[in-house]
Amino acid sequence: MKRINCRRCEYYFVTWEASRPHGCRAYGFKSPQIPSLLVFQSSGSDCTMFKEKKPAK
């Protein structure tokens, strides 16, 4: 099984909240753990919103 790396996703962001440092714009939440893990734990399936970031020029 291939793990989804949220840090490579267009929707991932880092928050300023120490208790919830990871965020997902696609699903609209902040979490203490990586968003793809929370999505998997909640739904039982992998994140379907993953979109690879475009490389910096």
PDB file of N, CA and C in Angstrom:
ATOM      1  N   MET A   1       0.841  -1.194   0.000  1.00  0.00           N
ATOM      2  CA  MET A   1       0.000   0.000   0.000  1.00  0.00           C
ATOM      3  C   MET A   1       0.880   1.250   0.000  1.00  0.00           C
ATOM      4  N   LYS A   2       0.594   2.168  -0.879  1.00  0.00           N
ATOM      5  CA  LYS A   2       1.346   3.411  -0.976  1.00  0.00           C
ATOM      6  C   LYS A   2       0.723   4.447  -0.049  1.00  0.00           C
ATOM      7  N   ARG A   3       1.551   5.067   0.769  1.00  0.00           N
ATOM      8  CA  ARG A   3       1.056   6.098   1.668  1.00  0.00           C
ATOM      9  C   ARG A   3       1.013   7.442   0.947  1.00  0.00           C
ATOM     10  N   ILE A   4       0.026   8.220   1.279  1.00  0.00           N
ATOM     11  CA  ILE A   4      -0.107   9.553   0.706  1.00  0.00           C
ATOM     12  C   ILE A   4       0.716  10.515   1.551  1.00  0.00           C
ATOM     13  N   ASN A   5       1.591  11.277   0.902  1.00  0.00           N
ATOM     14  CA  ASN A   5       2.428  12.248   1.588  1.00  0.00           C
ATOM     15  C   ASN A   5       1.753  13.621   1.472  1.00  0.00           C
ATOM     16  N   CYS A   6       1.064  14.014   2.511  1.00  0.00           N
ATOM     17  CA  CYS A   6       0.321  15.274   2.495  1.00  0.00           C
ATOM     18  C   CYS A   6       1.216  16.484   2.230  1.00  0.00           C
ATOM     19  N   ARG A   7       2.458  16.407   2.636  1.00  0.00           N
ATOM     20  CA  ARG A   7       3.364  17.547   2.435  1.00  0.00           C
ATOM     21  C   ARG A   7       3.628  17.817   0.963  1.00  0.00           C
ATOM     22  N   ARG A   8       3.295  16.873   0.105  1.00  0.00           N
ATOM     23  CA  ARG A   8       3.453  17.056  -1.338  1.00  0.00           C
ATOM     24  C   ARG A   8       2.130  17.423  -2.008  1.00  0.00           C
ATOM     25  N   CYS A   9       1.092  17.629  -1.195  1.00  0.00           N
ATOM     26  CA  CYS A   9      -0.241  17.928  -1.718  1.00  0.00           C
ATOM     27  C   CYS A   9      -0.488  19.436  -1.766  1.00  0.00           C
ATOM     28  N   GLU A  10      -1.201  19.848  -2.776  1.00  0.00           N
ATOM     29  CA  GLU A  10      -1.565  21.250  -2.979  1.00  0.00           C
ATOM     30  C   GLU A  10      -2.439  21.795  -1.840  1.00  0.00           C
ATOM     31  N   TYR A  11      -3.220  20.945  -1.203  1.00  0.00           N
ATOM     32  CA  TYR A  11      -4.169  21.378  -0.179  1.00  0.00           C
ATOM     33  C   TYR A  11      -3.610  21.380   1.243  1.00  0.00           C
ATOM     34  N   TYR A  12      -2.438  20.818   1.437  1.00  0.00           N
ATOM     35  CA  TYR A  12      -1.836  20.746   2.772  1.00  0.00           C
ATOM     36  C   TYR A  12      -1.275  22.103   3.185  1.00  0.00           C
ATOM     37  N   PHE A  13      -1.436  22.435   4.468  1.00  0.00           N
ATOM     38  CA  PHE A  13      -0.805  23.647   4.996  1.00  0.00           C
ATOM     39  C   PHE A  13      -0.433  23.432   6.454  1.00  0.00           C
ATOM     40  N   VAL A  14       0.541  24.209   6.911  1.00  0.00           N
ATOM     41  CA  VAL A  14       0.991  24.165   8.295  1.00  0.00           C
ATOM     42  C   VAL A  14       0.316  25.316   9.020  1.00  0.00           C
ATOM     43  N   THR A  15      -0.265  25.024  10.182  1.00  0.00           N
ATOM     44  CA  THR A  15      -0.954  26.054  10.956  1.00  0.00           C
ATOM     45  C   THR A  15      -0.024  26.618  12.013  1.00  0.00           C
ATOM     46  N   TRP A  16      -0.452  27.659  12.675  1.00  0.00           N
ATOM     47  CA  TRP A  16       0.303  28.259  13.772  1.00  0.00           C
ATOM     48  C   TRP A  16      -0.131  27.684  15.118  1.00  0.00           C
ATOM     49  N   GLU A  17      -1.105  26.805  15.114  1.00  0.00           N
ATOM     50  CA  GLU A  17      -1.615  26.217  16.347  1.00  0.00           C
ATOM     51  C   GLU A  17      -0.764  25.004  16.745  1.00  0.00           C
ATOM     52  N   ALA A  18      -0.157  25.071  17.931  1.00  0.00           N
ATOM     53  CA  ALA A  18       0.704  23.973  18.383  1.00  0.00           C
ATOM     54  C   ALA A  18      -0.075  22.678  18.582  1.00  0.00           C
ATOM     55  N   SER A  19      -1.336  22.779  18.957  1.00  0.00           N
ATOM     56  CA  SER A  19      -2.131  21.571  19.204  1.00  0.00           C
ATOM     57  C   SER A  19      -2.699  20.961  17.909  1.00  0.00           C
ATOM     58  N   ARG A  20      -2.746  21.752  16.845  1.00  0.00           N
ATOM     59  CA  ARG A  20      -3.258  21.272  15.545  1.00  0.00           C
ATOM     60  C   ARG A  20      -2.382  21.850  14.432  1.00  0.00           C
ATOM     61  N   PRO A  21      -1.159  21.305  14.264  1.00  0.00           N
ATOM     62  CA  PRO A  21      -0.212  21.898  13.315  1.00  0.00           C
ATOM     63  C   PRO A  21      -0.419  21.565  11.839  1.00  0.00           C
ATOM     64  N   HIS A  22      -1.267  20.587  11.522  1.00  0.00           N
ATOM     65  CA  HIS A  22      -1.468  20.164  10.133  1.00  0.00           C
ATOM     66  C   HIS A  22      -2.873  20.518   9.665  1.00  0.00           C
ATOM     67  N   GLY A  23      -2.965  21.043   8.443  1.00  0.00           N
ATOM     68  CA  GLY A  23      -4.271  21.406   7.916  1.00  0.00           C
ATOM     69  C   GLY A  23      -4.489  20.902   6.505  1.00  0.00           C
ATOM     70  N   CYS A  24      -5.764  20.766   6.141  1.00  0.00           N
ATOM     71  CA  CYS A  24      -6.152  20.348   4.797  1.00  0.00           C
ATOM     72  C   CYS A  24      -7.222  21.307   4.286  1.00  0.00           C
ATOM     73  N   ARG A  25      -6.906  22.018   3.222  1.00  0.00           N
ATOM     74  CA  ARG A  25      -7.875  22.956   2.641  1.00  0.00           C
ATOM     75  C   ARG A  25      -8.990  22.230   1.896  1.00  0.00           C
ATOM     76  N   ALA A  26      -8.701  21.075   1.344  1.00  0.00           N
ATOM     77  CA  ALA A  26      -9.711  20.319   0.582  1.00  0.00           C
ATOM     78  C   ALA A  26     -10.847  19.853   1.490  1.00  0.00           C
ATOM     79  N   TYR A  27     -10.493  19.341   2.664  1.00  0.00           N
ATOM     80  CA  TYR A  27     -11.511  18.849   3.595  1.00  0.00           C
ATOM     81  C   TYR A  27     -11.889  19.895   4.641  1.00  0.00           C
ATOM     82  N   GLY A  28     -11.086  20.951   4.764  1.00  0.00           N
ATOM     83  CA  GLY A  28     -11.422  22.042   5.667  1.00  0.00           C
ATOM     84  C   GLY A  28     -11.237  21.744   7.139  1.00  0.00           C
ATOM     85  N   PHE A  29     -10.121  21.115   7.509  1.00  0.00           N
ATOM     86  CA  PHE A  29      -9.880  20.868   8.921  1.00  0.00           C
ATOM     87  C   PHE A  29      -8.412  21.030   9.287  1.00  0.00           C
ATOM     88  N   LYS A  30      -8.162  21.159  10.586  1.00  0.00           N
ATOM     89  CA  LYS A  30      -6.821  21.187  11.165  1.00  0.00           C
ATOM     90  C   LYS A  30      -6.738  20.007  12.113  1.00  0.00           C
ATOM     91  N   SER A  31      -5.532  19.438  12.250  1.00  0.00           N
ATOM     92  CA  SER A  31      -5.399  18.208  13.017  1.00  0.00           C
ATOM     93  C   SER A  31      -4.021  18.096  13.661  1.00  0.00           C
ATOM     94  N   PRO A  32      -3.926  17.351  14.771  1.00  0.00           N
ATOM     95  CA  PRO A  32      -2.613  17.109  15.359  1.00  0.00           C
ATOM     96  C   PRO A  32      -1.800  16.082  14.565  1.00  0.00           C
ATOM     97  N   GLN A  33      -2.446  15.353  13.661  1.00  0.00           N
ATOM     98  CA  GLN A  33      -1.747  14.368  12.844  1.00  0.00           C
ATOM     99  C   GLN A  33      -1.894  14.705  11.359  1.00  0.00           C
ATOM    100  N   ILE A  34      -1.098  14.041  10.551  1.00  0.00           N
ATOM    101  CA  ILE A  34      -1.131  14.266   9.100  1.00  0.00           C
ATOM    102  C   ILE A  34      -2.558  13.994   8.587  1.00  0.00           C
ATOM    103  N   PRO A  35      -3.123  14.900   7.782  1.00  0.00           N
ATOM    104  CA  PRO A  35      -4.509  14.762   7.324  1.00  0.00           C
ATOM    105  C   PRO A  35      -4.852  13.432   6.657  1.00  0.00           C
ATOM    106  N   SER A  36      -3.956  12.877   5.853  1.00  0.00           N
ATOM    107  CA  SER A  36      -4.286  11.616   5.172  1.00  0.00           C
ATOM    108  C   SER A  36      -4.505  10.479   6.167  1.00  0.00           C
ATOM    109  N   LEU A  37      -3.803  10.492   7.299  1.00  0.00           N
ATOM    110  CA  LEU A  37      -4.012   9.475   8.329  1.00  0.00           C
ATOM    111  C   LEU A  37      -5.379   9.633   8.977  1.00  0.00           C
ATOM    112  N   LEU A  38      -5.753  10.859   9.252  1.00  0.00           N
ATOM    113  CA  LEU A  38      -7.059  11.115   9.857  1.00  0.00           C
ATOM    114  C   LEU A  38      -8.194  10.719   8.910  1.00  0.00           C
ATOM    115  N   VAL A  39      -8.042  11.021   7.634  1.00  0.00           N
ATOM    116  CA  VAL A  39      -9.051  10.639   6.634  1.00  0.00           C
ATOM    117  C   VAL A  39      -9.174   9.118   6.579  1.00  0.00           C
ATOM    118  N   PHE A  40      -8.036   8.418   6.582  1.00  0.00           N
ATOM    119  CA  PHE A  40      -8.063   6.960   6.529  1.00  0.00           C
ATOM    120  C   PHE A  40      -8.717   6.368   7.776  1.00  0.00           C
ATOM    121  N   GLN A  41      -8.379   6.907   8.956  1.00  0.00           N
ATOM    122  CA  GLN A  41      -8.956   6.413  10.203  1.00  0.00           C
ATOM    123  C   GLN A  41     -10.469   6.676  10.257  1.00  0.00           C
ATOM    124  N   SER A  42     -10.900   7.789   9.730  1.00  0.00           N
ATOM    125  CA  SER A  42     -12.321   8.158   9.780  1.00  0.00           C
ATOM    126  C   SER A  42     -13.171   7.401   8.768  1.00  0.00           C
ATOM    127  N   SER A  43     -12.649   7.240   7.555  1.00  0.00           N
ATOM    128  CA  SER A  43     -13.459   6.661   6.479  1.00  0.00           C
ATOM    129  C   SER A  43     -13.088   5.231   6.103  1.00  0.00           C
ATOM    130  N   GLY A  44     -11.870   4.824   6.432  1.00  0.00           N
ATOM    131  CA  GLY A  44     -11.415   3.494   6.042  1.00  0.00           C
ATOM    132  C   GLY A  44     -10.859   3.430   4.635  1.00  0.00           C
ATOM    133  N   SER A  45     -10.834   4.564   3.954  1.00  0.00           N
ATOM    134  CA  SER A  45     -10.267   4.603   2.608  1.00  0.00           C
ATOM    135  C   SER A  45      -9.257   5.740   2.504  1.00  0.00           C
ATOM    136  N   ASP A  46      -8.398   5.643   1.499  1.00  0.00           N
ATOM    137  CA  ASP A  46      -7.374   6.670   1.294  1.00  0.00           C
ATOM    138  C   ASP A  46      -7.993   8.000   0.864  1.00  0.00           C
ATOM    139  N   CYS A  47      -7.248   9.046   1.061  1.00  0.00           N
ATOM    140  CA  CYS A  47      -7.681  10.390   0.666  1.00  0.00           C
ATOM    141  C   CYS A  47      -7.880  10.446  -0.845  1.00  0.00           C
ATOM    142  N   THR A  48      -9.008  10.939  -1.263  1.00  0.00           N
ATOM    143  CA  THR A  48      -9.306  11.046  -2.695  1.00  0.00           C
ATOM    144  C   THR A  48      -9.052  12.460  -3.225  1.00  0.00           C
ATOM    145  N   MET A  49      -8.712  13.372  -2.331  1.00  0.00           N
ATOM    146  CA  MET A  49      -8.520  14.768  -2.723  1.00  0.00           C
ATOM    147  C   MET A  49      -7.059  15.122  -3.003  1.00  0.00           C
ATOM    148  N   PHE A  50      -6.132  14.167  -2.844  1.00  0.00           N
ATOM    149  CA  PHE A  50      -4.713  14.444  -3.037  1.00  0.00           C
ATOM    150  C   PHE A  50      -4.452  14.982  -4.438  1.00  0.00           C
ATOM    151  N   LYS A  51      -3.713  16.079  -4.488  1.00  0.00           N
ATOM    152  CA  LYS A  51      -3.335  16.691  -5.764  1.00  0.00           C
ATOM    153  C   LYS A  51      -1.883  17.144  -5.627  1.00  0.00           C
ATOM    154  N   GLU A  52      -1.000  16.538  -6.409  1.00  0.00           N
ATOM    155  CA  GLU A  52       0.429  16.820  -6.336  1.00  0.00           C
ATOM    156  C   GLU A  52       0.715  18.299  -6.589  1.00  0.00           C
ATOM    157  N   LYS A  53       1.569  18.874  -5.756  1.00  0.00           N
ATOM    158  CA  LYS A  53       1.982  20.271  -5.946  1.00  0.00           C
ATOM    159  C   LYS A  53       2.778  20.397  -7.230  1.00  0.00           C
ATOM    160  N   LYS A  54       2.644  21.522  -7.875  1.00  0.00           N
ATOM    161  CA  LYS A  54       3.443  21.789  -9.069  1.00  0.00           C
ATOM    162  C   LYS A  54       4.850  22.170  -8.608  1.00  0.00           C
ATOM    163  N   PRO A  55       5.875  21.697  -9.293  1.00  0.00           N
ATOM    164  CA  PRO A  55       7.239  22.018  -8.886  1.00  0.00           C
ATOM    165  C   PRO A  55       7.536  23.510  -9.016  1.00  0.00           C
ATOM    166  N   ALA A  56       8.341  24.009  -8.090  1.00  0.00           N
ATOM    167  CA  ALA A  56       8.736  25.418  -8.130  1.00  0.00           C
ATOM    168  C   ALA A  56       9.682  25.640  -9.298  1.00  0.00           C
ATOM    169  N   LYS A  57       9.549  26.782  -9.919  1.00  0.00           N
ATOM    170  CA  LYS A  57      10.392  27.085 -11.084  1.00  0.00           C
ATOM    171  C   LYS A  57      11.660  27.755 -10.689  1.00  0.00           C
TER     172      LYS A  57
END
